[in-house]
C-alpha cells in the first residue's frame, strides 16, 4: 500500500513546473486569449477550449508554451481534469512522444489517485486505473499528435472534430463527466 502522507497538490506541481520553466527561460507570452476564443463559432476548436476552461472553472495556464497548451489536450482527448483524467493525459503524452517528465508528473498524480481511493472518495479499482492508463498510452501512440510541435493558434477556427481527426487520427465527441 502506498504511503498516503506523500501527497503533492496539483497547485504545487504547477508552481514547481512554473519555477523550473522560469529558471530555464522557457516562459512565453500568453497563447490562449479567452476573449478571442469566445468570439469563435461554437463548433470551433478554440471555442471548445474556452468552453472547457469555463466549465472546469479554470484560467488559462501561463508560463512555458507546452504548459499553456495542456488544457487543449483535454479538449482534444476528452479526458476530464480530475486526477484520473490528468493521469490519462500524461499517459497519452507518453505514448505520443516519450518525455521523462511525464513519468514524474504521472507518479505524483497517481499518488493522489491512490490517496483518493484509500479514502473511498473515488471507487475505481487499481485494475480499472491501469486499464484507463494503458488505453490512454495507446491512444497517444496511435495518434498523429506531436506535443512539441503542435500549433493550436492555426487551428482555433477549425471545427473541433476536424482538428481531432487531423491530430488524433479520429474524432472524439467531448462529453462532460
N, C-alpha and C. Protein backbone atom coordinates (compact mmCIF):
# COMPACT_ATOMS: atom_id res chain seq x y z
N UNK A 1 0.83 -1.18 0.00
CA UNK A 1 0.00 0.00 0.00
C UNK A 1 0.88 1.25 0.00
N UNK A 2 0.48 2.26 -0.78
CA UNK A 2 1.24 3.49 -0.88
C UNK A 2 1.07 4.33 0.39
N UNK A 3 2.09 5.08 0.72
CA UNK A 3 2.03 5.99 1.86
C UNK A 3 1.21 7.20 1.45
N UNK A 4 0.00 7.33 2.01
CA UNK A 4 -0.89 8.42 1.59
C UNK A 4 -0.48 9.77 2.18
N UNK A 5 0.53 9.77 3.08
CA UNK A 5 1.00 11.06 3.59
C UNK A 5 1.88 11.77 2.56
N UNK A 6 2.34 11.05 1.55
CA UNK A 6 3.10 11.66 0.46
C UNK A 6 2.10 12.15 -0.56
N UNK A 7 1.80 13.43 -0.51
CA UNK A 7 0.76 13.98 -1.37
C UNK A 7 1.19 15.36 -1.83
N UNK A 8 1.20 15.55 -3.12
CA UNK A 8 1.55 16.85 -3.68
C UNK A 8 0.33 17.39 -4.42
N UNK A 9 -0.28 18.47 -3.90
CA UNK A 9 -1.46 19.03 -4.57
C UNK A 9 -1.11 19.53 -5.98
N UNK A 10 -2.11 19.54 -6.85
CA UNK A 10 -1.92 19.98 -8.23
C UNK A 10 -1.34 21.38 -8.30
N UNK A 11 -1.79 22.26 -7.40
CA UNK A 11 -1.30 23.64 -7.41
C UNK A 11 0.21 23.68 -7.17
N UNK A 12 0.70 22.81 -6.29
CA UNK A 12 2.14 22.78 -6.02
C UNK A 12 2.91 22.23 -7.20
N UNK A 13 2.35 21.25 -7.88
CA UNK A 13 3.00 20.72 -9.08
C UNK A 13 3.13 21.83 -10.12
N UNK A 14 2.05 22.60 -10.31
CA UNK A 14 2.09 23.71 -11.27
C UNK A 14 3.12 24.76 -10.86
N UNK A 15 3.19 25.07 -9.56
CA UNK A 15 4.17 26.04 -9.09
C UNK A 15 5.60 25.56 -9.36
N UNK A 16 5.84 24.29 -9.11
CA UNK A 16 7.18 23.72 -9.34
C UNK A 16 7.51 23.79 -10.83
N UNK A 17 6.59 23.37 -11.68
CA UNK A 17 6.83 23.41 -13.13
C UNK A 17 7.04 24.84 -13.61
N UNK A 18 6.27 25.77 -13.08
CA UNK A 18 6.42 27.17 -13.46
C UNK A 18 7.77 27.72 -13.04
N UNK A 19 8.21 27.36 -11.83
CA UNK A 19 9.52 27.81 -11.34
C UNK A 19 10.64 27.25 -12.22
N UNK A 20 10.55 25.98 -12.56
CA UNK A 20 11.56 25.36 -13.42
C UNK A 20 11.57 26.02 -14.79
N UNK A 21 10.39 26.23 -15.38
CA UNK A 21 10.33 26.84 -16.71
C UNK A 21 10.85 28.27 -16.69
N UNK A 22 10.62 28.99 -15.59
CA UNK A 22 11.15 30.34 -15.46
C UNK A 22 12.67 30.31 -15.40
N UNK A 23 13.20 29.42 -14.57
CA UNK A 23 14.66 29.30 -14.44
C UNK A 23 15.33 28.90 -15.75
N UNK A 24 14.64 28.10 -16.54
CA UNK A 24 15.20 27.65 -17.83
C UNK A 24 14.92 28.63 -18.96
N UNK A 25 14.19 29.71 -18.67
CA UNK A 25 13.88 30.70 -19.70
C UNK A 25 12.91 30.20 -20.76
N UNK A 26 12.00 29.32 -20.35
CA UNK A 26 11.05 28.72 -21.30
C UNK A 26 9.71 29.44 -21.39
N UNK A 27 9.48 30.39 -20.50
CA UNK A 27 8.18 31.07 -20.48
C UNK A 27 7.99 31.92 -21.73
N UNK A 28 6.76 31.93 -22.23
CA UNK A 28 6.40 32.70 -23.42
C UNK A 28 5.16 33.54 -23.10
N UNK A 29 4.90 34.56 -23.92
CA UNK A 29 3.67 35.34 -23.71
C UNK A 29 2.43 34.45 -23.79
N UNK A 30 1.32 34.91 -23.22
CA UNK A 30 0.09 34.10 -23.25
C UNK A 30 -0.33 33.70 -24.67
N UNK A 31 -0.73 32.45 -24.81
CA UNK A 31 -1.17 31.90 -26.10
C UNK A 31 -2.69 31.86 -26.17
N UNK A 32 -3.31 31.48 -25.06
CA UNK A 32 -4.76 31.31 -25.01
C UNK A 32 -5.39 32.65 -24.61
N UNK A 33 -6.02 33.31 -25.58
CA UNK A 33 -6.69 34.59 -25.34
C UNK A 33 -8.19 34.32 -25.31
N UNK A 34 -8.74 34.27 -24.11
CA UNK A 34 -10.11 33.80 -23.95
C UNK A 34 -11.15 34.67 -24.67
N UNK A 35 -10.98 35.98 -24.68
CA UNK A 35 -11.96 36.83 -25.36
C UNK A 35 -12.03 36.50 -26.85
N UNK A 36 -10.89 36.28 -27.46
CA UNK A 36 -10.88 35.91 -28.88
C UNK A 36 -11.54 34.55 -29.09
N UNK A 37 -11.17 33.57 -28.25
CA UNK A 37 -11.72 32.22 -28.41
C UNK A 37 -13.24 32.21 -28.22
N UNK A 38 -13.74 33.03 -27.32
CA UNK A 38 -15.20 33.12 -27.10
C UNK A 38 -15.92 33.67 -28.33
N UNK A 39 -15.21 34.45 -29.14
CA UNK A 39 -15.83 35.06 -30.32
C UNK A 39 -15.91 34.08 -31.50
N UNK A 40 -15.27 32.94 -31.39
CA UNK A 40 -15.26 31.97 -32.50
C UNK A 40 -16.55 31.17 -32.54
N UNK A 41 -16.85 30.54 -33.68
CA UNK A 41 -18.07 29.72 -33.79
C UNK A 41 -18.08 28.60 -32.73
N UNK A 42 -19.26 28.27 -32.22
CA UNK A 42 -19.37 27.27 -31.15
C UNK A 42 -18.75 25.90 -31.47
N UNK A 43 -18.72 25.53 -32.75
CA UNK A 43 -18.17 24.21 -33.09
C UNK A 43 -16.65 24.23 -33.30
N UNK A 44 -16.05 25.41 -33.16
CA UNK A 44 -14.60 25.54 -33.41
C UNK A 44 -13.78 24.99 -32.25
N UNK A 45 -12.56 24.60 -32.57
CA UNK A 45 -11.62 24.11 -31.57
C UNK A 45 -11.35 25.18 -30.51
N UNK A 46 -11.13 26.41 -30.94
CA UNK A 46 -10.87 27.49 -30.00
C UNK A 46 -12.01 27.74 -29.04
N UNK A 47 -13.23 27.71 -29.56
CA UNK A 47 -14.41 27.91 -28.69
C UNK A 47 -14.55 26.74 -27.73
N UNK A 48 -14.29 25.51 -28.20
CA UNK A 48 -14.35 24.34 -27.31
C UNK A 48 -13.32 24.46 -26.19
N UNK A 49 -12.16 25.04 -26.51
CA UNK A 49 -11.11 25.21 -25.49
C UNK A 49 -11.58 26.14 -24.38
N UNK A 50 -12.11 27.30 -24.78
CA UNK A 50 -12.55 28.27 -23.75
C UNK A 50 -13.78 27.73 -23.02
N UNK A 51 -14.62 26.98 -23.68
CA UNK A 51 -15.77 26.37 -23.01
C UNK A 51 -15.29 25.37 -21.95
N UNK A 52 -14.25 24.60 -22.29
CA UNK A 52 -13.65 23.66 -21.33
C UNK A 52 -13.14 24.42 -20.11
N UNK A 53 -12.42 25.52 -20.33
CA UNK A 53 -11.91 26.32 -19.22
C UNK A 53 -13.06 26.81 -18.34
N UNK A 54 -14.12 27.32 -18.99
CA UNK A 54 -15.27 27.84 -18.25
C UNK A 54 -15.96 26.74 -17.44
N UNK A 55 -16.20 25.60 -18.08
CA UNK A 55 -16.90 24.50 -17.40
C UNK A 55 -16.11 23.95 -16.22
N UNK A 56 -14.79 23.99 -16.33
CA UNK A 56 -13.93 23.48 -15.24
C UNK A 56 -13.51 24.57 -14.27
N UNK A 57 -14.02 25.79 -14.51
CA UNK A 57 -13.69 26.94 -13.67
C UNK A 57 -12.17 27.16 -13.61
N UNK A 58 -11.54 27.15 -14.77
CA UNK A 58 -10.09 27.31 -14.89
C UNK A 58 -9.75 28.60 -15.61
N UNK A 59 -8.56 29.08 -15.35
CA UNK A 59 -7.97 30.17 -16.10
C UNK A 59 -6.90 29.56 -17.00
N UNK A 60 -6.61 30.18 -18.14
CA UNK A 60 -5.54 29.64 -18.99
C UNK A 60 -4.23 29.58 -18.21
N UNK A 61 -3.51 28.49 -18.40
CA UNK A 61 -2.20 28.36 -17.76
C UNK A 61 -1.22 29.34 -18.37
N UNK A 62 -0.28 29.79 -17.58
CA UNK A 62 0.76 30.71 -18.04
C UNK A 62 2.11 30.01 -17.92
N UNK A 63 3.12 30.56 -18.57
CA UNK A 63 4.46 30.01 -18.43
C UNK A 63 4.98 29.45 -19.74
N UNK A 64 5.58 28.27 -19.66
CA UNK A 64 6.15 27.63 -20.83
C UNK A 64 5.05 27.29 -21.84
N UNK A 65 5.40 27.32 -23.10
CA UNK A 65 4.44 27.05 -24.17
C UNK A 65 3.72 25.72 -23.94
N UNK A 66 4.48 24.70 -23.67
CA UNK A 66 3.89 23.37 -23.53
C UNK A 66 2.90 23.32 -22.36
N UNK A 67 3.20 24.04 -21.29
CA UNK A 67 2.28 24.08 -20.16
C UNK A 67 1.01 24.84 -20.53
N UNK A 68 1.14 25.92 -21.26
CA UNK A 68 -0.03 26.70 -21.66
C UNK A 68 -0.97 25.89 -22.55
N UNK A 69 -0.43 24.92 -23.27
CA UNK A 69 -1.23 24.14 -24.20
C UNK A 69 -1.86 22.90 -23.56
N UNK A 70 -1.58 22.68 -22.28
CA UNK A 70 -2.05 21.49 -21.58
C UNK A 70 -3.57 21.31 -21.67
N UNK A 71 -4.32 22.37 -21.42
CA UNK A 71 -5.79 22.24 -21.43
C UNK A 71 -6.32 21.87 -22.80
N UNK A 72 -5.61 22.24 -23.85
CA UNK A 72 -6.01 21.85 -25.20
C UNK A 72 -5.98 20.35 -25.39
N UNK A 73 -5.09 19.67 -24.68
CA UNK A 73 -5.02 18.21 -24.78
C UNK A 73 -6.27 17.59 -24.16
N UNK A 74 -6.75 18.20 -23.08
CA UNK A 74 -8.02 17.73 -22.51
C UNK A 74 -9.15 17.89 -23.53
N UNK A 75 -9.16 19.00 -24.25
CA UNK A 75 -10.19 19.26 -25.25
C UNK A 75 -10.10 18.22 -26.38
N UNK A 76 -8.90 17.96 -26.84
CA UNK A 76 -8.71 17.01 -27.95
C UNK A 76 -9.07 15.58 -27.55
N UNK A 77 -8.69 15.18 -26.35
CA UNK A 77 -8.88 13.79 -25.93
C UNK A 77 -10.21 13.53 -25.23
N UNK A 78 -10.77 14.57 -24.62
CA UNK A 78 -11.98 14.38 -23.84
C UNK A 78 -11.71 13.92 -22.42
N UNK A 79 -10.45 13.79 -22.02
CA UNK A 79 -10.14 13.40 -20.64
C UNK A 79 -10.49 14.55 -19.70
N UNK A 80 -11.09 14.23 -18.57
CA UNK A 80 -11.50 15.27 -17.63
C UNK A 80 -10.31 15.79 -16.83
N UNK A 81 -10.57 16.72 -15.93
CA UNK A 81 -9.49 17.34 -15.16
C UNK A 81 -9.41 16.79 -13.74
N UNK A 82 -10.14 15.72 -13.47
CA UNK A 82 -9.99 15.02 -12.19
C UNK A 82 -8.65 14.29 -12.22
N UNK A 83 -8.15 13.82 -11.08
CA UNK A 83 -6.83 13.18 -11.07
C UNK A 83 -6.65 12.05 -12.09
N UNK A 84 -7.66 11.19 -12.25
CA UNK A 84 -7.51 10.11 -13.23
C UNK A 84 -7.41 10.68 -14.65
N UNK A 85 -8.21 11.68 -14.97
CA UNK A 85 -8.14 12.32 -16.29
C UNK A 85 -6.78 12.96 -16.53
N UNK A 86 -6.22 13.57 -15.48
CA UNK A 86 -4.88 14.16 -15.60
C UNK A 86 -3.84 13.07 -15.84
N UNK A 87 -4.00 11.94 -15.16
CA UNK A 87 -3.08 10.82 -15.37
C UNK A 87 -3.22 10.29 -16.80
N UNK A 88 -4.45 10.23 -17.31
CA UNK A 88 -4.65 9.79 -18.69
C UNK A 88 -3.97 10.73 -19.68
N UNK A 89 -4.03 12.03 -19.42
CA UNK A 89 -3.35 12.99 -20.29
C UNK A 89 -1.84 12.70 -20.31
N UNK A 90 -1.26 12.46 -19.14
CA UNK A 90 0.18 12.18 -19.08
C UNK A 90 0.52 10.89 -19.82
N UNK A 91 -0.31 9.87 -19.70
CA UNK A 91 -0.07 8.62 -20.43
C UNK A 91 -0.24 8.83 -21.93
N UNK A 92 -1.23 9.61 -22.31
CA UNK A 92 -1.41 9.94 -23.72
C UNK A 92 -0.15 10.62 -24.26
N UNK A 93 0.39 11.59 -23.50
CA UNK A 93 1.60 12.29 -23.92
C UNK A 93 2.80 11.35 -23.98
N UNK A 94 2.90 10.43 -23.02
CA UNK A 94 3.98 9.43 -23.06
C UNK A 94 3.90 8.61 -24.34
N UNK A 95 2.69 8.23 -24.73
CA UNK A 95 2.52 7.46 -25.96
C UNK A 95 2.83 8.27 -27.20
N UNK A 96 2.43 9.54 -27.19
CA UNK A 96 2.64 10.39 -28.37
C UNK A 96 4.12 10.70 -28.57
N UNK A 97 4.82 11.01 -27.47
CA UNK A 97 6.25 11.36 -27.57
C UNK A 97 6.85 11.23 -26.18
N UNK A 98 7.67 10.25 -26.00
CA UNK A 98 8.22 9.96 -24.68
C UNK A 98 9.05 11.13 -24.15
N UNK A 99 8.72 11.55 -22.94
CA UNK A 99 9.49 12.54 -22.20
C UNK A 99 9.49 12.10 -20.74
N UNK A 100 10.66 11.97 -20.12
CA UNK A 100 10.72 11.51 -18.72
C UNK A 100 9.89 12.35 -17.75
N UNK A 101 9.72 13.64 -18.02
CA UNK A 101 8.95 14.49 -17.12
C UNK A 101 7.52 13.97 -16.95
N UNK A 102 6.98 13.33 -18.00
CA UNK A 102 5.61 12.81 -17.90
C UNK A 102 5.52 11.66 -16.91
N UNK A 103 6.60 10.91 -16.77
CA UNK A 103 6.61 9.83 -15.78
C UNK A 103 6.60 10.42 -14.38
N UNK A 104 7.39 11.47 -14.16
CA UNK A 104 7.43 12.12 -12.85
C UNK A 104 6.04 12.69 -12.51
N UNK A 105 5.46 13.43 -13.45
CA UNK A 105 4.13 14.02 -13.21
C UNK A 105 3.10 12.92 -12.99
N UNK A 106 3.17 11.87 -13.80
CA UNK A 106 2.24 10.75 -13.67
C UNK A 106 2.34 10.12 -12.28
N UNK A 107 3.55 9.92 -11.79
CA UNK A 107 3.71 9.32 -10.45
C UNK A 107 3.09 10.20 -9.38
N UNK A 108 3.29 11.51 -9.48
CA UNK A 108 2.69 12.42 -8.50
C UNK A 108 1.16 12.37 -8.55
N UNK A 109 0.62 12.31 -9.76
CA UNK A 109 -0.83 12.23 -9.91
C UNK A 109 -1.36 10.90 -9.37
N UNK A 110 -0.63 9.82 -9.65
CA UNK A 110 -1.08 8.51 -9.17
C UNK A 110 -1.05 8.42 -7.65
N UNK A 111 -0.12 9.13 -7.00
CA UNK A 111 -0.16 9.20 -5.54
C UNK A 111 -1.47 9.82 -5.08
N UNK A 112 -1.91 10.84 -5.81
CA UNK A 112 -3.18 11.48 -5.46
C UNK A 112 -4.35 10.54 -5.71
N UNK A 113 -4.33 9.85 -6.84
CA UNK A 113 -5.41 8.88 -7.15
C UNK A 113 -5.48 7.83 -6.05
N UNK A 114 -4.32 7.32 -5.64
CA UNK A 114 -4.30 6.29 -4.60
C UNK A 114 -4.82 6.84 -3.27
N UNK A 115 -4.48 8.07 -2.96
CA UNK A 115 -4.98 8.68 -1.73
C UNK A 115 -6.51 8.80 -1.78
N UNK A 116 -7.04 9.22 -2.91
CA UNK A 116 -8.50 9.33 -3.06
C UNK A 116 -9.15 7.96 -2.98
N UNK A 117 -8.50 6.96 -3.54
CA UNK A 117 -9.02 5.59 -3.46
C UNK A 117 -9.04 5.10 -2.02
N UNK A 118 -7.94 5.35 -1.30
CA UNK A 118 -7.84 4.86 0.09
C UNK A 118 -8.88 5.52 0.99
N UNK A 119 -9.26 6.74 0.67
CA UNK A 119 -10.29 7.44 1.43
C UNK A 119 -11.69 7.16 0.88
N UNK A 120 -11.76 6.33 -0.12
CA UNK A 120 -13.00 5.95 -0.78
C UNK A 120 -13.74 7.15 -1.36
N UNK A 121 -12.97 8.16 -1.77
CA UNK A 121 -13.55 9.31 -2.45
C UNK A 121 -13.83 8.96 -3.90
N UNK A 122 -12.97 8.12 -4.46
CA UNK A 122 -13.24 7.54 -5.78
C UNK A 122 -13.25 6.03 -5.60
N UNK A 123 -14.06 5.36 -6.39
CA UNK A 123 -14.25 3.92 -6.19
C UNK A 123 -13.66 3.06 -7.29
N UNK A 124 -12.89 3.65 -8.16
CA UNK A 124 -12.29 2.90 -9.24
C UNK A 124 -11.21 1.95 -8.68
N UNK A 125 -11.14 0.75 -9.21
CA UNK A 125 -10.13 -0.21 -8.74
C UNK A 125 -8.78 0.06 -9.40
N UNK A 126 -7.74 -0.50 -8.83
CA UNK A 126 -6.40 -0.36 -9.42
C UNK A 126 -6.37 -0.95 -10.82
N UNK A 127 -7.07 -2.05 -11.00
CA UNK A 127 -7.13 -2.67 -12.32
C UNK A 127 -7.80 -1.75 -13.34
N UNK A 128 -8.86 -1.07 -12.93
CA UNK A 128 -9.54 -0.12 -13.83
C UNK A 128 -8.65 1.08 -14.13
N UNK A 129 -7.92 1.55 -13.12
CA UNK A 129 -6.97 2.65 -13.34
C UNK A 129 -5.94 2.22 -14.37
N UNK A 130 -5.38 1.04 -14.17
CA UNK A 130 -4.36 0.52 -15.09
C UNK A 130 -4.91 0.42 -16.52
N UNK A 131 -6.13 -0.08 -16.66
CA UNK A 131 -6.73 -0.20 -17.99
C UNK A 131 -6.90 1.17 -18.65
N UNK A 132 -7.35 2.17 -17.88
CA UNK A 132 -7.52 3.52 -18.41
C UNK A 132 -6.18 4.10 -18.87
N UNK A 133 -5.15 3.90 -18.08
CA UNK A 133 -3.84 4.46 -18.41
C UNK A 133 -3.21 3.77 -19.61
N UNK A 134 -3.37 2.47 -19.71
CA UNK A 134 -2.85 1.74 -20.87
C UNK A 134 -3.58 2.19 -22.14
N UNK A 135 -4.89 2.34 -22.05
CA UNK A 135 -5.67 2.80 -23.21
C UNK A 135 -5.23 4.20 -23.63
N UNK A 136 -5.00 5.08 -22.66
CA UNK A 136 -4.56 6.45 -22.97
C UNK A 136 -3.19 6.43 -23.63
N UNK A 137 -2.29 5.59 -23.14
CA UNK A 137 -0.96 5.47 -23.74
C UNK A 137 -1.08 5.05 -25.21
N UNK A 138 -1.90 4.04 -25.46
CA UNK A 138 -2.07 3.55 -26.84
C UNK A 138 -2.74 4.59 -27.74
N UNK A 139 -3.67 5.36 -27.19
CA UNK A 139 -4.27 6.46 -27.98
C UNK A 139 -3.19 7.44 -28.41
N UNK A 140 -2.30 7.78 -27.50
CA UNK A 140 -1.20 8.68 -27.85
C UNK A 140 -0.26 8.06 -28.86
N UNK A 141 0.07 6.80 -28.65
CA UNK A 141 0.99 6.09 -29.55
C UNK A 141 0.44 6.00 -30.97
N UNK A 142 -0.88 5.84 -31.08
CA UNK A 142 -1.52 5.68 -32.39
C UNK A 142 -1.97 7.00 -33.02
N UNK A 143 -1.71 8.11 -32.33
CA UNK A 143 -2.15 9.40 -32.85
C UNK A 143 -1.08 10.03 -33.74
N UNK A 144 -1.45 11.13 -34.38
CA UNK A 144 -0.51 11.94 -35.16
C UNK A 144 -0.04 13.14 -34.34
N UNK A 145 -0.29 13.11 -33.05
CA UNK A 145 -0.06 14.26 -32.19
C UNK A 145 1.41 14.37 -31.77
N UNK A 146 1.98 15.55 -31.98
CA UNK A 146 3.35 15.83 -31.53
C UNK A 146 3.28 16.97 -30.52
N UNK A 147 3.40 16.64 -29.22
CA UNK A 147 3.22 17.68 -28.20
C UNK A 147 4.26 18.79 -28.26
N UNK A 148 5.38 18.56 -28.91
CA UNK A 148 6.41 19.59 -29.01
C UNK A 148 6.17 20.57 -30.14
N UNK A 149 5.41 20.17 -31.14
CA UNK A 149 5.31 20.98 -32.35
C UNK A 149 3.91 21.38 -32.77
N UNK A 150 2.89 20.96 -32.05
CA UNK A 150 1.54 21.33 -32.49
C UNK A 150 1.31 22.81 -32.25
N UNK A 151 0.53 23.41 -33.12
CA UNK A 151 0.28 24.85 -33.08
C UNK A 151 -1.22 25.12 -33.08
N UNK A 152 -1.82 25.15 -31.90
CA UNK A 152 -3.27 25.37 -31.84
C UNK A 152 -3.68 26.73 -32.41
N UNK A 153 -2.77 27.68 -32.41
CA UNK A 153 -3.10 29.02 -32.90
C UNK A 153 -3.60 29.00 -34.34
N UNK A 154 -3.09 28.07 -35.14
CA UNK A 154 -3.53 27.99 -36.53
C UNK A 154 -4.74 27.07 -36.69
N UNK A 155 -5.17 26.48 -35.57
CA UNK A 155 -6.30 25.55 -35.60
C UNK A 155 -7.54 26.09 -34.89
N UNK A 156 -7.42 27.24 -34.21
CA UNK A 156 -8.51 27.77 -33.40
C UNK A 156 -9.84 27.77 -34.14
N UNK A 157 -9.84 28.22 -35.40
CA UNK A 157 -11.09 28.44 -36.12
C UNK A 157 -11.67 27.18 -36.76
N UNK A 158 -10.87 26.12 -36.82
CA UNK A 158 -11.35 24.87 -37.41
C UNK A 158 -12.35 24.17 -36.49
N UNK A 159 -13.30 23.43 -37.07
CA UNK A 159 -14.20 22.64 -36.22
C UNK A 159 -13.39 21.65 -35.36
N UNK A 160 -13.79 21.48 -34.11
CA UNK A 160 -13.10 20.59 -33.19
C UNK A 160 -12.94 19.20 -33.78
N UNK A 161 -13.98 18.66 -34.39
CA UNK A 161 -13.89 17.30 -34.94
C UNK A 161 -12.84 17.20 -36.04
N UNK A 162 -12.66 18.25 -36.83
CA UNK A 162 -11.63 18.25 -37.87
C UNK A 162 -10.23 18.28 -37.26
N UNK A 163 -10.07 19.05 -36.19
CA UNK A 163 -8.78 19.12 -35.50
C UNK A 163 -8.45 17.76 -34.88
N UNK A 164 -9.44 17.14 -34.27
CA UNK A 164 -9.23 15.81 -33.69
C UNK A 164 -8.83 14.81 -34.76
N UNK A 165 -9.49 14.86 -35.89
CA UNK A 165 -9.16 13.95 -36.98
C UNK A 165 -7.74 14.19 -37.49
N UNK A 166 -7.37 15.45 -37.62
CA UNK A 166 -6.04 15.82 -38.10
C UNK A 166 -4.94 15.38 -37.13
N UNK A 167 -5.10 15.68 -35.86
CA UNK A 167 -4.04 15.43 -34.88
C UNK A 167 -4.11 14.07 -34.21
N UNK A 168 -5.33 13.56 -34.07
CA UNK A 168 -5.50 12.34 -33.31
C UNK A 168 -5.78 11.13 -34.19
N UNK A 169 -6.16 11.38 -35.42
CA UNK A 169 -6.49 10.27 -36.30
C UNK A 169 -7.90 9.76 -36.09
N UNK A 170 -8.69 10.45 -35.26
CA UNK A 170 -10.08 10.07 -35.00
C UNK A 170 -10.81 11.30 -34.49
N UNK A 171 -12.11 11.21 -34.48
CA UNK A 171 -12.92 12.27 -33.91
C UNK A 171 -13.53 11.75 -32.63
N UNK A 172 -13.40 12.51 -31.57
CA UNK A 172 -13.92 12.10 -30.27
C UNK A 172 -14.87 13.17 -29.78
N UNK A 173 -16.11 12.83 -29.65
CA UNK A 173 -17.09 13.79 -29.14
C UNK A 173 -16.81 14.02 -27.66
N UNK A 174 -16.56 15.26 -27.30
CA UNK A 174 -16.25 15.60 -25.92
C UNK A 174 -17.55 15.65 -25.13
N UNK A 175 -17.57 14.92 -24.01
CA UNK A 175 -18.72 14.92 -23.13
C UNK A 175 -18.28 15.37 -21.75
N UNK A 176 -19.17 16.03 -21.06
CA UNK A 176 -18.86 16.45 -19.70
C UNK A 176 -19.13 15.30 -18.75
N UNK A 177 -18.15 15.00 -17.91
CA UNK A 177 -18.31 13.90 -16.94
C UNK A 177 -19.09 14.33 -15.74
